[in-house]
Amino acid sequence: MDGAGPAWGEDEYVEYLEGERLCFAWVMQRYGGLPAARARADALELYPYEAADEPYRGMIFHDLAWHYAMERIHGREYAIEHPELRNPPAEYSALW
């Protein structure tokens, strides 16, 4: 490991990638009002597959999909303007 991030095993990386895509799409549907197909397409765009030799593979995972989705829905200041949305609900945490 070169300090860029965790050394992902392929199965572990793909599982985490799919989990984050699922969570992001769920938030975009539930809180952003997007249709399922659009939410999934947005998730695929935000969370593209990165090859194992990418130097910063998985850096997108430094924050929860919840926060990325909230920023898209409410803007970068969402936590200040909507303090009730700072933390995801139990439903979100139970997704995967």
PDB file of N, CA and C in Angstrom:
ATOM      1  N   MET A   1       0.853  -1.181   0.000  1.00  0.00           N
ATOM      2  CA  MET A   1       0.000   0.000   0.000  1.00  0.00           C
ATOM      3  C   MET A   1       0.892   1.236   0.000  1.00  0.00           C
ATOM      4  N   ASP A   2       0.521   2.232  -0.800  1.00  0.00           N
ATOM      5  CA  ASP A   2       1.344   3.425  -0.951  1.00  0.00           C
ATOM      6  C   ASP A   2       0.812   4.627  -0.161  1.00  0.00           C
ATOM      7  N   GLY A   3      -0.146   4.412   0.702  1.00  0.00           N
ATOM      8  CA  GLY A   3      -0.722   5.503   1.475  1.00  0.00           C
ATOM      9  C   GLY A   3      -1.884   6.189   0.783  1.00  0.00           C
ATOM     10  N   ALA A   4      -2.184   5.780  -0.445  1.00  0.00           N
ATOM     11  CA  ALA A   4      -3.277   6.401  -1.194  1.00  0.00           C
ATOM     12  C   ALA A   4      -4.642   5.978  -0.678  1.00  0.00           C
ATOM     13  N   GLY A   5      -4.726   4.858  -0.041  1.00  0.00           N
ATOM     14  CA  GLY A   5      -5.997   4.354   0.442  1.00  0.00           C
ATOM     15  C   GLY A   5      -5.881   2.878   0.750  1.00  0.00           C
ATOM     16  N   PRO A   6      -6.987   2.250   1.098  1.00  0.00           N
ATOM     17  CA  PRO A   6      -6.928   0.834   1.439  1.00  0.00           C
ATOM     18  C   PRO A   6      -6.587  -0.025   0.222  1.00  0.00           C
ATOM     19  N   ALA A   7      -5.945  -1.137   0.476  1.00  0.00           N
ATOM     20  CA  ALA A   7      -5.655  -2.108  -0.585  1.00  0.00           C
ATOM     21  C   ALA A   7      -6.886  -2.992  -0.714  1.00  0.00           C
ATOM     22  N   TRP A   8      -7.694  -2.740  -1.717  1.00  0.00           N
ATOM     23  CA  TRP A   8      -8.955  -3.447  -1.896  1.00  0.00           C
ATOM     24  C   TRP A   8      -8.730  -4.778  -2.578  1.00  0.00           C
ATOM     25  N   GLY A   9      -9.291  -5.834  -2.027  1.00  0.00           N
ATOM     26  CA  GLY A   9      -9.423  -7.075  -2.761  1.00  0.00           C
ATOM     27  C   GLY A   9     -10.561  -6.866  -3.754  1.00  0.00           C
ATOM     28  N   GLU A  10     -10.536  -7.556  -4.882  1.00  0.00           N
ATOM     29  CA  GLU A  10     -11.542  -7.325  -5.919  1.00  0.00           C
ATOM     30  C   GLU A  10     -12.965  -7.564  -5.420  1.00  0.00           C
ATOM     31  N   ASP A  11     -13.194  -8.679  -4.754  1.00  0.00           N
ATOM     32  CA  ASP A  11     -14.543  -8.980  -4.261  1.00  0.00           C
ATOM     33  C   ASP A  11     -15.001  -7.941  -3.248  1.00  0.00           C
ATOM     34  N   GLU A  12     -14.111  -7.555  -2.359  1.00  0.00           N
ATOM     35  CA  GLU A  12     -14.436  -6.556  -1.344  1.00  0.00           C
ATOM     36  C   GLU A  12     -14.760  -5.210  -2.005  1.00  0.00           C
ATOM     37  N   TYR A  13     -13.955  -4.836  -2.976  1.00  0.00           N
ATOM     38  CA  TYR A  13     -14.180  -3.562  -3.677  1.00  0.00           C
ATOM     39  C   TYR A  13     -15.527  -3.559  -4.397  1.00  0.00           C
ATOM     40  N   VAL A  14     -15.807  -4.603  -5.150  1.00  0.00           N
ATOM     41  CA  VAL A  14     -17.057  -4.667  -5.921  1.00  0.00           C
ATOM     42  C   VAL A  14     -18.259  -4.673  -4.982  1.00  0.00           C
ATOM     43  N   GLU A  15     -18.170  -5.397  -3.878  1.00  0.00           N
ATOM     44  CA  GLU A  15     -19.269  -5.414  -2.912  1.00  0.00           C
ATOM     45  C   GLU A  15     -19.507  -4.013  -2.339  1.00  0.00           C
ATOM     46  N   TYR A  16     -18.442  -3.337  -1.981  1.00  0.00           N
ATOM     47  CA  TYR A  16     -18.571  -1.999  -1.422  1.00  0.00           C
ATOM     48  C   TYR A  16     -19.103  -1.020  -2.462  1.00  0.00           C
ATOM     49  N   LEU A  17     -18.602  -1.130  -3.694  1.00  0.00           N
ATOM     50  CA  LEU A  17     -19.056  -0.277  -4.788  1.00  0.00           C
ATOM     51  C   LEU A  17     -20.557  -0.446  -5.011  1.00  0.00           C
ATOM     52  N   GLU A  18     -21.009  -1.665  -5.086  1.00  0.00           N
ATOM     53  CA  GLU A  18     -22.440  -1.924  -5.288  1.00  0.00           C
ATOM     54  C   GLU A  18     -23.266  -1.417  -4.109  1.00  0.00           C
ATOM     55  N   GLY A  19     -22.739  -1.582  -2.908  1.00  0.00           N
ATOM     56  CA  GLY A  19     -23.447  -1.083  -1.732  1.00  0.00           C
ATOM     57  C   GLY A  19     -23.607   0.425  -1.738  1.00  0.00           C
ATOM     58  N   GLU A  20     -22.557   1.126  -2.092  1.00  0.00           N
ATOM     59  CA  GLU A  20     -22.628   2.583  -2.147  1.00  0.00           C
ATOM     60  C   GLU A  20     -23.551   3.043  -3.269  1.00  0.00           C
ATOM     61  N   ARG A  21     -23.512   2.351  -4.407  1.00  0.00           N
ATOM     62  CA  ARG A  21     -24.438   2.682  -5.497  1.00  0.00           C
ATOM     63  C   ARG A  21     -25.881   2.501  -5.049  1.00  0.00           C
ATOM     64  N   LEU A  22     -26.152   1.397  -4.374  1.00  0.00           N
ATOM     65  CA  LEU A  22     -27.494   1.112  -3.872  1.00  0.00           C
ATOM     66  C   LEU A  22     -27.961   2.218  -2.926  1.00  0.00           C
ATOM     67  N   CYS A  23     -27.108   2.585  -1.982  1.00  0.00           N
ATOM     68  CA  CYS A  23     -27.465   3.599  -0.992  1.00  0.00           C
ATOM     69  C   CYS A  23     -27.694   4.960  -1.646  1.00  0.00           C
ATOM     70  N   PHE A  24     -26.809   5.331  -2.559  1.00  0.00           N
ATOM     71  CA  PHE A  24     -26.956   6.614  -3.245  1.00  0.00           C
ATOM     72  C   PHE A  24     -28.269   6.659  -4.012  1.00  0.00           C
ATOM     73  N   ALA A  25     -28.544   5.619  -4.763  1.00  0.00           N
ATOM     74  CA  ALA A  25     -29.781   5.576  -5.551  1.00  0.00           C
ATOM     75  C   ALA A  25     -31.011   5.623  -4.644  1.00  0.00           C
ATOM     76  N   TRP A  26     -30.961   4.936  -3.524  1.00  0.00           N
ATOM     77  CA  TRP A  26     -32.081   4.931  -2.581  1.00  0.00           C
ATOM     78  C   TRP A  26     -32.366   6.347  -2.080  1.00  0.00           C
ATOM     79  N   VAL A  27     -31.306   7.063  -1.702  1.00  0.00           N
ATOM     80  CA  VAL A  27     -31.486   8.431  -1.213  1.00  0.00           C
ATOM     81  C   VAL A  27     -32.035   9.326  -2.314  1.00  0.00           C
ATOM     82  N   MET A  28     -31.509   9.178  -3.511  1.00  0.00           N
ATOM     83  CA  MET A  28     -31.968  10.019  -4.616  1.00  0.00           C
ATOM     84  C   MET A  28     -33.435   9.757  -4.951  1.00  0.00           C
ATOM     85  N   GLN A  29     -33.888   8.535  -4.785  1.00  0.00           N
ATOM     86  CA  GLN A  29     -35.304   8.227  -4.992  1.00  0.00           C
ATOM     87  C   GLN A  29     -36.141   8.771  -3.848  1.00  0.00           C
ATOM     88  N   ARG A  30     -35.747   8.406  -2.642  1.00  0.00           N
ATOM     89  CA  ARG A  30     -36.563   8.719  -1.463  1.00  0.00           C
ATOM     90  C   ARG A  30     -36.587  10.212  -1.134  1.00  0.00           C
ATOM     91  N   TYR A  31     -35.441  10.855  -1.179  1.00  0.00           N
ATOM     92  CA  TYR A  31     -35.357  12.262  -0.777  1.00  0.00           C
ATOM     93  C   TYR A  31     -35.281  13.217  -1.966  1.00  0.00           C
ATOM     94  N   GLY A  32     -34.819  12.727  -3.100  1.00  0.00           N
ATOM     95  CA  GLY A  32     -34.679  13.580  -4.264  1.00  0.00           C
ATOM     96  C   GLY A  32     -35.794  13.433  -5.270  1.00  0.00           C
ATOM     97  N   GLY A  33     -36.654  12.432  -5.078  1.00  0.00           N
ATOM     98  CA  GLY A  33     -37.793  12.244  -5.955  1.00  0.00           C
ATOM     99  C   GLY A  33     -37.466  11.729  -7.348  1.00  0.00           C
ATOM    100  N   LEU A  34     -36.276  11.171  -7.528  1.00  0.00           N
ATOM    101  CA  LEU A  34     -35.918  10.659  -8.849  1.00  0.00           C
ATOM    102  C   LEU A  34     -36.556   9.299  -9.104  1.00  0.00           C
ATOM    103  N   PRO A  35     -36.900   9.025 -10.346  1.00  0.00           N
ATOM    104  CA  PRO A  35     -37.356   7.676 -10.702  1.00  0.00           C
ATOM    105  C   PRO A  35     -36.188   6.691 -10.511  1.00  0.00           C
ATOM    106  N   ALA A  36     -36.512   5.434 -10.288  1.00  0.00           N
ATOM    107  CA  ALA A  36     -35.501   4.417  -9.995  1.00  0.00           C
ATOM    108  C   ALA A  36     -34.420   4.341 -11.070  1.00  0.00           C
ATOM    109  N   ALA A  37     -34.808   4.356 -12.331  1.00  0.00           N
ATOM    110  CA  ALA A  37     -33.826   4.235 -13.411  1.00  0.00           C
ATOM    111  C   ALA A  37     -32.857   5.414 -13.418  1.00  0.00           C
ATOM    112  N   ARG A  38     -33.369   6.603 -13.196  1.00  0.00           N
ATOM    113  CA  ARG A  38     -32.508   7.793 -13.166  1.00  0.00           C
ATOM    114  C   ARG A  38     -31.589   7.774 -11.951  1.00  0.00           C
ATOM    115  N   ALA A  39     -32.115   7.365 -10.806  1.00  0.00           N
ATOM    116  CA  ALA A  39     -31.303   7.295  -9.587  1.00  0.00           C
ATOM    117  C   ALA A  39     -30.165   6.291  -9.759  1.00  0.00           C
ATOM    118  N   ARG A  40     -30.467   5.155 -10.363  1.00  0.00           N
ATOM    119  CA  ARG A  40     -29.432   4.140 -10.607  1.00  0.00           C
ATOM    120  C   ARG A  40     -28.388   4.656 -11.598  1.00  0.00           C
ATOM    121  N   ALA A  41     -28.829   5.347 -12.656  1.00  0.00           N
ATOM    122  CA  ALA A  41     -27.894   5.912 -13.637  1.00  0.00           C
ATOM    123  C   ALA A  41     -26.974   6.942 -12.977  1.00  0.00           C
ATOM    124  N   ASP A  42     -27.535   7.768 -12.116  1.00  0.00           N
ATOM    125  CA  ASP A  42     -26.723   8.746 -11.389  1.00  0.00           C
ATOM    126  C   ASP A  42     -25.721   8.051 -10.479  1.00  0.00           C
ATOM    127  N   ALA A  43     -26.142   6.966  -9.844  1.00  0.00           N
ATOM    128  CA  ALA A  43     -25.245   6.211  -8.966  1.00  0.00           C
ATOM    129  C   ALA A  43     -24.088   5.609  -9.769  1.00  0.00           C
ATOM    130  N   LEU A  44     -24.384   5.081 -10.933  1.00  0.00           N
ATOM    131  CA  LEU A  44     -23.332   4.511 -11.785  1.00  0.00           C
ATOM    132  C   LEU A  44     -22.352   5.589 -12.246  1.00  0.00           C
ATOM    133  N   GLU A  45     -22.863   6.777 -12.493  1.00  0.00           N
ATOM    134  CA  GLU A  45     -22.005   7.887 -12.912  1.00  0.00           C
ATOM    135  C   GLU A  45     -21.094   8.339 -11.769  1.00  0.00           C
ATOM    136  N   LEU A  46     -21.654   8.477 -10.587  1.00  0.00           N
ATOM    137  CA  LEU A  46     -20.871   8.926  -9.438  1.00  0.00           C
ATOM    138  C   LEU A  46     -19.890   7.861  -8.961  1.00  0.00           C
ATOM    139  N   TYR A  47     -20.295   6.610  -9.059  1.00  0.00           N
ATOM    140  CA  TYR A  47     -19.487   5.488  -8.577  1.00  0.00           C
ATOM    141  C   TYR A  47     -19.091   4.574  -9.737  1.00  0.00           C
ATOM    142  N   PRO A  48     -18.233   5.039 -10.640  1.00  0.00           N
ATOM    143  CA  PRO A  48     -17.797   4.157 -11.725  1.00  0.00           C
ATOM    144  C   PRO A  48     -16.851   3.087 -11.176  1.00  0.00           C
ATOM    145  N   TYR A  49     -16.800   1.978 -11.874  1.00  0.00           N
ATOM    146  CA  TYR A  49     -15.836   0.938 -11.514  1.00  0.00           C
ATOM    147  C   TYR A  49     -14.437   1.465 -11.787  1.00  0.00           C
ATOM    148  N   GLU A  50     -13.542   1.278 -10.844  1.00  0.00           N
ATOM    149  CA  GLU A  50     -12.142   1.666 -11.011  1.00  0.00           C
ATOM    150  C   GLU A  50     -11.296   0.401 -11.056  1.00  0.00           C
ATOM    151  N   ALA A  51     -10.417   0.317 -12.016  1.00  0.00           N
ATOM    152  CA  ALA A  51      -9.544  -0.844 -12.160  1.00  0.00           C
ATOM    153  C   ALA A  51      -8.635  -0.986 -10.940  1.00  0.00           C
ATOM    154  N   ALA A  52      -8.217  -2.201 -10.687  1.00  0.00           N
ATOM    155  CA  ALA A  52      -7.390  -2.497  -9.517  1.00  0.00           C
ATOM    156  C   ALA A  52      -6.082  -1.716  -9.501  1.00  0.00           C
ATOM    157  N   ASP A  53      -5.577  -1.316 -10.655  1.00  0.00           N
ATOM    158  CA  ASP A  53      -4.314  -0.588 -10.696  1.00  0.00           C
ATOM    159  C   ASP A  53      -4.474   0.928 -10.606  1.00  0.00           C
ATOM    160  N   GLU A  54      -5.700   1.410 -10.428  1.00  0.00           N
ATOM    161  CA  GLU A  54      -5.915   2.848 -10.229  1.00  0.00           C
ATOM    162  C   GLU A  54      -5.271   3.253  -8.902  1.00  0.00           C
ATOM    163  N   PRO A  55      -4.455   4.295  -8.901  1.00  0.00           N
ATOM    164  CA  PRO A  55      -3.724   4.641  -7.674  1.00  0.00           C
ATOM    165  C   PRO A  55      -4.614   5.080  -6.509  1.00  0.00           C
ATOM    166  N   TYR A  56      -5.753   5.656  -6.783  1.00  0.00           N
ATOM    167  CA  TYR A  56      -6.633   6.125  -5.708  1.00  0.00           C
ATOM    168  C   TYR A  56      -7.971   5.399  -5.729  1.00  0.00           C
ATOM    169  N   ARG A  57      -7.917   4.143  -6.081  1.00  0.00           N
ATOM    170  CA  ARG A  57      -9.126   3.324  -6.172  1.00  0.00           C
ATOM    171  C   ARG A  57      -9.897   3.368  -4.846  1.00  0.00           C
ATOM    172  N   GLY A  58     -11.149   3.668  -4.941  1.00  0.00           N
ATOM    173  CA  GLY A  58     -11.998   3.661  -3.767  1.00  0.00           C
ATOM    174  C   GLY A  58     -12.005   4.937  -2.954  1.00  0.00           C
ATOM    175  N   MET A  59     -11.310   5.970  -3.403  1.00  0.00           N
ATOM    176  CA  MET A  59     -11.292   7.217  -2.627  1.00  0.00           C
ATOM    177  C   MET A  59     -12.685   7.835  -2.495  1.00  0.00           C
ATOM    178  N   ILE A  60     -13.563   7.550  -3.426  1.00  0.00           N
ATOM    179  CA  ILE A  60     -14.939   8.066  -3.349  1.00  0.00           C
ATOM    180  C   ILE A  60     -15.627   7.575  -2.083  1.00  0.00           C
ATOM    181  N   PHE A  61     -15.112   6.482  -1.537  1.00  0.00           N
ATOM    182  CA  PHE A  61     -15.728   5.901  -0.348  1.00  0.00           C
ATOM    183  C   PHE A  61     -15.345   6.633   0.943  1.00  0.00           C
ATOM    184  N   HIS A  62     -14.586   7.711   0.841  1.00  0.00           N
ATOM    185  CA  HIS A  62     -14.169   8.403   2.064  1.00  0.00           C
ATOM    186  C   HIS A  62     -15.345   9.008   2.815  1.00  0.00           C
ATOM    187  N   ASP A  63     -16.467   9.146   2.159  1.00  0.00           N
ATOM    188  CA  ASP A  63     -17.668   9.664   2.806  1.00  0.00           C
ATOM    189  C   ASP A  63     -18.845   8.790   2.400  1.00  0.00           C
ATOM    190  N   LEU A  64     -19.874   8.803   3.177  1.00  0.00           N
ATOM    191  CA  LEU A  64     -21.052   7.992   2.876  1.00  0.00           C
ATOM    192  C   LEU A  64     -21.788   8.497   1.639  1.00  0.00           C
ATOM    193  N   ALA A  65     -22.389   7.583   0.932  1.00  0.00           N
ATOM    194  CA  ALA A  65     -23.227   7.944  -0.212  1.00  0.00           C
ATOM    195  C   ALA A  65     -24.322   8.920   0.221  1.00  0.00           C
ATOM    196  N   TRP A  66     -24.768   8.801   1.448  1.00  0.00           N
ATOM    197  CA  TRP A  66     -25.783   9.711   1.999  1.00  0.00           C
ATOM    198  C   TRP A  66     -25.378  11.163   1.779  1.00  0.00           C
ATOM    199  N   HIS A  67     -24.129  11.482   2.111  1.00  0.00           N
ATOM    200  CA  HIS A  67     -23.674  12.867   2.011  1.00  0.00           C
ATOM    201  C   HIS A  67     -23.570  13.338   0.562  1.00  0.00           C
ATOM    202  N   TYR A  68     -23.099  12.485  -0.314  1.00  0.00           N
ATOM    203  CA  TYR A  68     -23.034  12.860  -1.731  1.00  0.00           C
ATOM    204  C   TYR A  68     -24.435  13.116  -2.288  1.00  0.00           C
ATOM    205  N   ALA A  69     -25.375  12.277  -1.913  1.00  0.00           N
ATOM    206  CA  ALA A  69     -26.748  12.447  -2.387  1.00  0.00           C
ATOM    207  C   ALA A  69     -27.367  13.725  -1.814  1.00  0.00           C
ATOM    208  N   MET A  70     -27.182  13.964  -0.538  1.00  0.00           N
ATOM    209  CA  MET A  70     -27.730  15.171   0.075  1.00  0.00           C
ATOM    210  C   MET A  70     -27.149  16.430  -0.556  1.00  0.00           C
ATOM    211  N   GLU A  71     -25.863  16.398  -0.886  1.00  0.00           N
ATOM    212  CA  GLU A  71     -25.254  17.546  -1.557  1.00  0.00           C
ATOM    213  C   GLU A  71     -25.886  17.781  -2.932  1.00  0.00           C
ATOM    214  N   ARG A  72     -26.184  16.714  -3.648  1.00  0.00           N
ATOM    215  CA  ARG A  72     -26.830  16.871  -4.955  1.00  0.00           C
ATOM    216  C   ARG A  72     -28.253  17.407  -4.814  1.00  0.00           C
ATOM    217  N   ILE A  73     -28.938  16.976  -3.779  1.00  0.00           N
ATOM    218  CA  ILE A  73     -30.330  17.381  -3.596  1.00  0.00           C
ATOM    219  C   ILE A  73     -30.436  18.798  -3.034  1.00  0.00           C
ATOM    220  N   HIS A  74     -29.647  19.091  -1.995  1.00  0.00           N
ATOM    221  CA  HIS A  74     -29.797  20.351  -1.260  1.00  0.00           C
ATOM    222  C   HIS A  74     -28.609  21.301  -1.366  1.00  0.00           C
ATOM    223  N   GLY A  75     -27.532  20.886  -2.010  1.00  0.00           N
ATOM    224  CA  GLY A  75     -26.347  21.739  -2.112  1.00  0.00           C
ATOM    225  C   GLY A  75     -25.328  21.440  -1.021  1.00  0.00           C
ATOM    226  N   ARG A  76     -24.157  22.029  -1.178  1.00  0.00           N
ATOM    227  CA  ARG A  76     -23.024  21.734  -0.287  1.00  0.00           C
ATOM    228  C   ARG A  76     -23.272  22.131   1.169  1.00  0.00           C
ATOM    229  N   GLU A  77     -24.150  23.058   1.394  1.00  0.00           N
ATOM    230  CA  GLU A  77     -24.430  23.534   2.754  1.00  0.00           C
ATOM    231  C   GLU A  77     -25.622  22.814   3.384  1.00  0.00           C
ATOM    232  N   TYR A  78     -25.968  21.658   2.857  1.00  0.00           N
ATOM    233  CA  TYR A  78     -27.178  20.978   3.330  1.00  0.00           C
ATOM    234  C   TYR A  78     -27.157  20.735   4.832  1.00  0.00           C
ATOM    235  N   ALA A  79     -26.022  20.403   5.398  1.00  0.00           N
ATOM    236  CA  ALA A  79     -25.954  20.083   6.829  1.00  0.00           C
ATOM    237  C   ALA A  79     -26.234  21.304   7.702  1.00  0.00           C
ATOM    238  N   ILE A  80     -25.959  22.469   7.187  1.00  0.00           N
ATOM    239  CA  ILE A  80     -26.236  23.712   7.919  1.00  0.00           C
ATOM    240  C   ILE A  80     -27.695  24.114   7.717  1.00  0.00           C
ATOM    241  N   GLU A  81     -28.129  24.050   6.465  1.00  0.00           N
ATOM    242  CA  GLU A  81     -29.486  24.474   6.138  1.00  0.00           C
ATOM    243  C   GLU A  81     -30.551  23.448   6.527  1.00  0.00           C
ATOM    244  N   HIS A  82     -30.154  22.181   6.597  1.00  0.00           N
ATOM    245  CA  HIS A  82     -31.078  21.094   6.966  1.00  0.00           C
ATOM    246  C   HIS A  82     -30.402  20.193   8.005  1.00  0.00           C
ATOM    247  N   PRO A  83     -30.229  20.683   9.222  1.00  0.00           N
ATOM    248  CA  PRO A  83     -29.510  19.900  10.233  1.00  0.00           C
ATOM    249  C   PRO A  83     -30.145  18.536  10.517  1.00  0.00           C
ATOM    250  N   GLU A  84     -31.436  18.414  10.234  1.00  0.00           N
ATOM    251  CA  GLU A  84     -32.103  17.130  10.445  1.00  0.00           C
ATOM    252  C   GLU A  84     -31.613  16.064   9.464  1.00  0.00           C
ATOM    253  N   LEU A  85     -30.887  16.481   8.430  1.00  0.00           N
ATOM    254  CA  LEU A  85     -30.377  15.543   7.428  1.00  0.00           C
ATOM    255  C   LEU A  85     -28.884  15.259   7.571  1.00  0.00           C
ATOM    256  N   ARG A  86     -28.277  15.717   8.649  1.00  0.00           N
ATOM    257  CA  ARG A  86     -26.838  15.488   8.841  1.00  0.00           C
ATOM    258  C   ARG A  86     -26.498  14.003   8.888  1.00  0.00           C
ATOM    259  N   ASN A  87     -27.349  13.246   9.527  1.00  0.00           N
ATOM    260  CA  ASN A  87     -27.099  11.811   9.687  1.00  0.00           C
ATOM    261  C   ASN A  87     -28.207  11.015   9.022  1.00  0.00           C
ATOM    262  N   PRO A  88     -27.824   9.925   8.387  1.00  0.00           N
ATOM    263  CA  PRO A  88     -28.841   9.111   7.720  1.00  0.00           C
ATOM    264  C   PRO A  88     -29.745   8.400   8.721  1.00  0.00           C
ATOM    265  N   PRO A  89     -30.972   8.110   8.309  1.00  0.00           N
ATOM    266  CA  PRO A  89     -31.891   7.383   9.180  1.00  0.00           C
ATOM    267  C   PRO A  89     -31.512   5.904   9.268  1.00  0.00           C
ATOM    268  N   ALA A  90     -32.124   5.208  10.186  1.00  0.00           N
ATOM    269  CA  ALA A  90     -31.870   3.776  10.363  1.00  0.00           C
ATOM    270  C   ALA A  90     -32.169   2.986   9.096  1.00  0.00           C
ATOM    271  N   GLU A  91     -33.179   3.407   8.345  1.00  0.00           N
ATOM    272  CA  GLU A  91     -33.519   2.726   7.078  1.00  0.00           C
ATOM    273  C   GLU A  91     -32.325   2.700   6.135  1.00  0.00           C
ATOM    274  N   TYR A  92     -31.618   3.805   6.062  1.00  0.00           N
ATOM    275  CA  TYR A  92     -30.440   3.894   5.202  1.00  0.00           C
ATOM    276  C   TYR A  92     -29.359   2.935   5.689  1.00  0.00           C
ATOM    277  N   SER A  93     -29.107   2.957   6.976  1.00  0.00           N
ATOM    278  CA  SER A  93     -28.065   2.111   7.553  1.00  0.00           C
ATOM    279  C   SER A  93     -28.355   0.629   7.369  1.00  0.00           C
ATOM    280  N   ALA A  94     -29.618   0.279   7.230  1.00  0.00           N
ATOM    281  CA  ALA A  94     -30.019  -1.121   7.087  1.00  0.00           C
ATOM    282  C   ALA A  94     -29.971  -1.609   5.635  1.00  0.00           C
ATOM    283  N   LEU A  95     -29.651  -0.733   4.686  1.00  0.00           N
ATOM    284  CA  LEU A  95     -29.688  -1.120   3.279  1.00  0.00           C
ATOM    285  C   LEU A  95     -28.714  -2.227   2.912  1.00  0.00           C
ATOM    286  N   TRP A  96     -27.511  -2.178   3.515  1.00  0.00           N
ATOM    287  CA  TRP A  96     -26.528  -3.233   3.183  1.00  0.00           C
ATOM    288  C   TRP A  96     -25.545  -3.472   4.276  1.00  0.00           C
TER     289      TRP A  96
END
